[in-house]
């Protein structure tokens, strides 16, 4: 899942799943093409450099799996993330 953003910078997208402290489930893509040491999902979640995680092509499930809300881009405060995992079916 590699492509370029509007500035021409390469995007290395990964699909991730999050659960927020209020029980909301979030599925979306994140760009892990960052500087060395901040280029894994665990790096992005654990570091204190950024307060928000930026996801795109997002599906948000507010308790009802059958009626997700779609968002083009979503900023999530990392203090509200209970757990995060990469989608294991990615290449």
C-alpha atoms as a PDB file:
ATOM      1  CA  UNK A   1       0.000   0.000   0.000  1.00  0.00           C
ATOM      2  CA  UNK A   2       2.554   2.584  -1.056  1.00  0.00           C
ATOM      3  CA  UNK A   3       1.676   5.803  -2.884  1.00  0.00           C
ATOM      4  CA  UNK A   4       2.426   9.520  -2.665  1.00  0.00           C
ATOM      5  CA  UNK A   5       0.713  12.352  -0.836  1.00  0.00           C
ATOM      6  CA  UNK A   6      -0.101  15.718  -2.414  1.00  0.00           C
ATOM      7  CA  UNK A   7       3.436  16.982  -1.742  1.00  0.00           C
ATOM      8  CA  UNK A   8       4.987  14.034  -3.590  1.00  0.00           C
ATOM      9  CA  UNK A   9       6.284  12.399  -0.401  1.00  0.00           C
ATOM     10  CA  UNK A  10       5.960   8.631  -0.327  1.00  0.00           C
ATOM     11  CA  UNK A  11       3.217   7.268   1.925  1.00  0.00           C
ATOM     12  CA  UNK A  12       3.653   3.886   3.566  1.00  0.00           C
ATOM     13  CA  UNK A  13       0.109   3.077   4.634  1.00  0.00           C
ATOM     14  CA  UNK A  14      -0.836   0.431   7.169  1.00  0.00           C
ATOM     15  CA  UNK A  15      -4.319  -0.604   8.210  1.00  0.00           C
ATOM     16  CA  UNK A  16      -4.785  -0.520  11.971  1.00  0.00           C
ATOM     17  CA  UNK A  17      -7.511  -1.248  14.482  1.00  0.00           C
ATOM     18  CA  UNK A  18      -7.986   0.772  17.651  1.00  0.00           C
ATOM     19  CA  UNK A  19     -10.229   0.529  20.656  1.00  0.00           C
ATOM     20  CA  UNK A  20     -10.875   3.723  22.543  1.00  0.00           C
ATOM     21  CA  UNK A  21     -11.527   4.018  26.278  1.00  0.00           C
ATOM     22  CA  UNK A  22     -15.247   4.629  25.632  1.00  0.00           C
ATOM     23  CA  UNK A  23     -15.543   1.273  23.798  1.00  0.00           C
ATOM     24  CA  UNK A  24     -15.504   2.736  20.280  1.00  0.00           C
ATOM     25  CA  UNK A  25     -13.726   0.619  17.643  1.00  0.00           C
ATOM     26  CA  UNK A  26     -11.829   2.420  14.879  1.00  0.00           C
ATOM     27  CA  UNK A  27     -10.414   0.878  11.685  1.00  0.00           C
ATOM     28  CA  UNK A  28      -8.331   2.967   9.333  1.00  0.00           C
ATOM     29  CA  UNK A  29      -5.053   3.620   7.598  1.00  0.00           C
ATOM     30  CA  UNK A  30      -2.026   5.351   9.034  1.00  0.00           C
ATOM     31  CA  UNK A  31       1.159   6.564   7.354  1.00  0.00           C
ATOM     32  CA  UNK A  32       4.160   4.921   8.987  1.00  0.00           C
ATOM     33  CA  UNK A  33       6.661   6.542   6.619  1.00  0.00           C
ATOM     34  CA  UNK A  34       8.332   8.615   9.334  1.00  0.00           C
ATOM     35  CA  UNK A  35      11.855   9.294  10.463  1.00  0.00           C
ATOM     36  CA  UNK A  36      13.902   6.374  11.791  1.00  0.00           C
ATOM     37  CA  UNK A  37      12.756   5.363  15.261  1.00  0.00           C
ATOM     38  CA  UNK A  38       9.189   6.561  14.662  1.00  0.00           C
ATOM     39  CA  UNK A  39       8.255   4.317  11.732  1.00  0.00           C
ATOM     40  CA  UNK A  40       6.355   1.481  13.446  1.00  0.00           C
ATOM     41  CA  UNK A  41       2.818   1.475  14.818  1.00  0.00           C
ATOM     42  CA  UNK A  42       4.144   0.992  18.350  1.00  0.00           C
ATOM     43  CA  UNK A  43       6.454   3.994  17.879  1.00  0.00           C
ATOM     44  CA  UNK A  44       3.589   6.201  16.749  1.00  0.00           C
ATOM     45  CA  UNK A  45       1.354   5.176  19.658  1.00  0.00           C
ATOM     46  CA  UNK A  46       3.988   5.283  22.409  1.00  0.00           C
ATOM     47  CA  UNK A  47       5.914   8.469  21.588  1.00  0.00           C
ATOM     48  CA  UNK A  48       5.104  11.764  23.266  1.00  0.00           C
ATOM     49  CA  UNK A  49       6.058  13.891  20.243  1.00  0.00           C
ATOM     50  CA  UNK A  50       2.547  13.971  18.815  1.00  0.00           C
ATOM     51  CA  UNK A  51      -0.618  14.137  20.919  1.00  0.00           C
ATOM     52  CA  UNK A  52      -2.824  12.920  18.074  1.00  0.00           C
ATOM     53  CA  UNK A  53      -2.801   9.926  15.765  1.00  0.00           C
ATOM     54  CA  UNK A  54      -3.923  10.807  12.219  1.00  0.00           C
ATOM     55  CA  UNK A  55      -5.919   8.147  10.377  1.00  0.00           C
ATOM     56  CA  UNK A  56      -7.538   8.216   6.952  1.00  0.00           C
ATOM     57  CA  UNK A  57     -10.143   6.055   5.181  1.00  0.00           C
ATOM     58  CA  UNK A  58     -11.623   5.439   8.613  1.00  0.00           C
ATOM     59  CA  UNK A  59     -14.596   3.397   9.834  1.00  0.00           C
ATOM     60  CA  UNK A  60     -15.799   4.178  13.374  1.00  0.00           C
ATOM     61  CA  UNK A  61     -18.023   1.680  15.185  1.00  0.00           C
ATOM     62  CA  UNK A  62     -19.840   3.295  18.111  1.00  0.00           C
ATOM     63  CA  UNK A  63     -21.060   0.108  19.797  1.00  0.00           C
ATOM     64  CA  UNK A  64     -22.982  -1.015  16.695  1.00  0.00           C
ATOM     65  CA  UNK A  65     -20.813  -2.988  14.272  1.00  0.00           C
ATOM     66  CA  UNK A  66     -23.560  -2.899  11.603  1.00  0.00           C
ATOM     67  CA  UNK A  67     -23.731   0.908  11.326  1.00  0.00           C
ATOM     68  CA  UNK A  68     -20.201   2.356  11.144  1.00  0.00           C
ATOM     69  CA  UNK A  69     -19.501   6.016  10.510  1.00  0.00           C
ATOM     70  CA  UNK A  70     -17.090   6.750   7.651  1.00  0.00           C
ATOM     71  CA  UNK A  71     -14.490   9.518   7.802  1.00  0.00           C
ATOM     72  CA  UNK A  72     -11.965  10.589   5.193  1.00  0.00           C
ATOM     73  CA  UNK A  73      -9.543  11.785   7.918  1.00  0.00           C
ATOM     74  CA  UNK A  74      -9.757  11.427  11.691  1.00  0.00           C
ATOM     75  CA  UNK A  75      -7.496  12.802  14.431  1.00  0.00           C
ATOM     76  CA  UNK A  76      -7.541  10.713  17.608  1.00  0.00           C
ATOM     77  CA  UNK A  77      -6.100  11.901  20.912  1.00  0.00           C
ATOM     78  CA  UNK A  78      -3.643   9.170  21.921  1.00  0.00           C
ATOM     79  CA  UNK A  79      -4.706   9.497  25.579  1.00  0.00           C
ATOM     80  CA  UNK A  80      -8.023   7.893  24.538  1.00  0.00           C
ATOM     81  CA  UNK A  81      -6.527   4.775  22.921  1.00  0.00           C
ATOM     82  CA  UNK A  82      -6.982   1.612  24.981  1.00  0.00           C
ATOM     83  CA  UNK A  83      -5.244  -0.694  22.482  1.00  0.00           C
ATOM     84  CA  UNK A  84      -4.015  -0.680  18.897  1.00  0.00           C
ATOM     85  CA  UNK A  85      -3.087  -3.462  16.499  1.00  0.00           C
ATOM     86  CA  UNK A  86      -2.010  -3.689  12.883  1.00  0.00           C
ATOM     87  CA  UNK A  87      -4.161  -5.626  10.433  1.00  0.00           C
ATOM     88  CA  UNK A  88      -2.332  -8.949  10.079  1.00  0.00           C
ATOM     89  CA  UNK A  89      -3.534  -9.534   6.479  1.00  0.00           C
ATOM     90  CA  UNK A  90      -1.317  -6.791   5.031  1.00  0.00           C
ATOM     91  CA  UNK A  91       1.646  -7.474   2.779  1.00  0.00           C
END
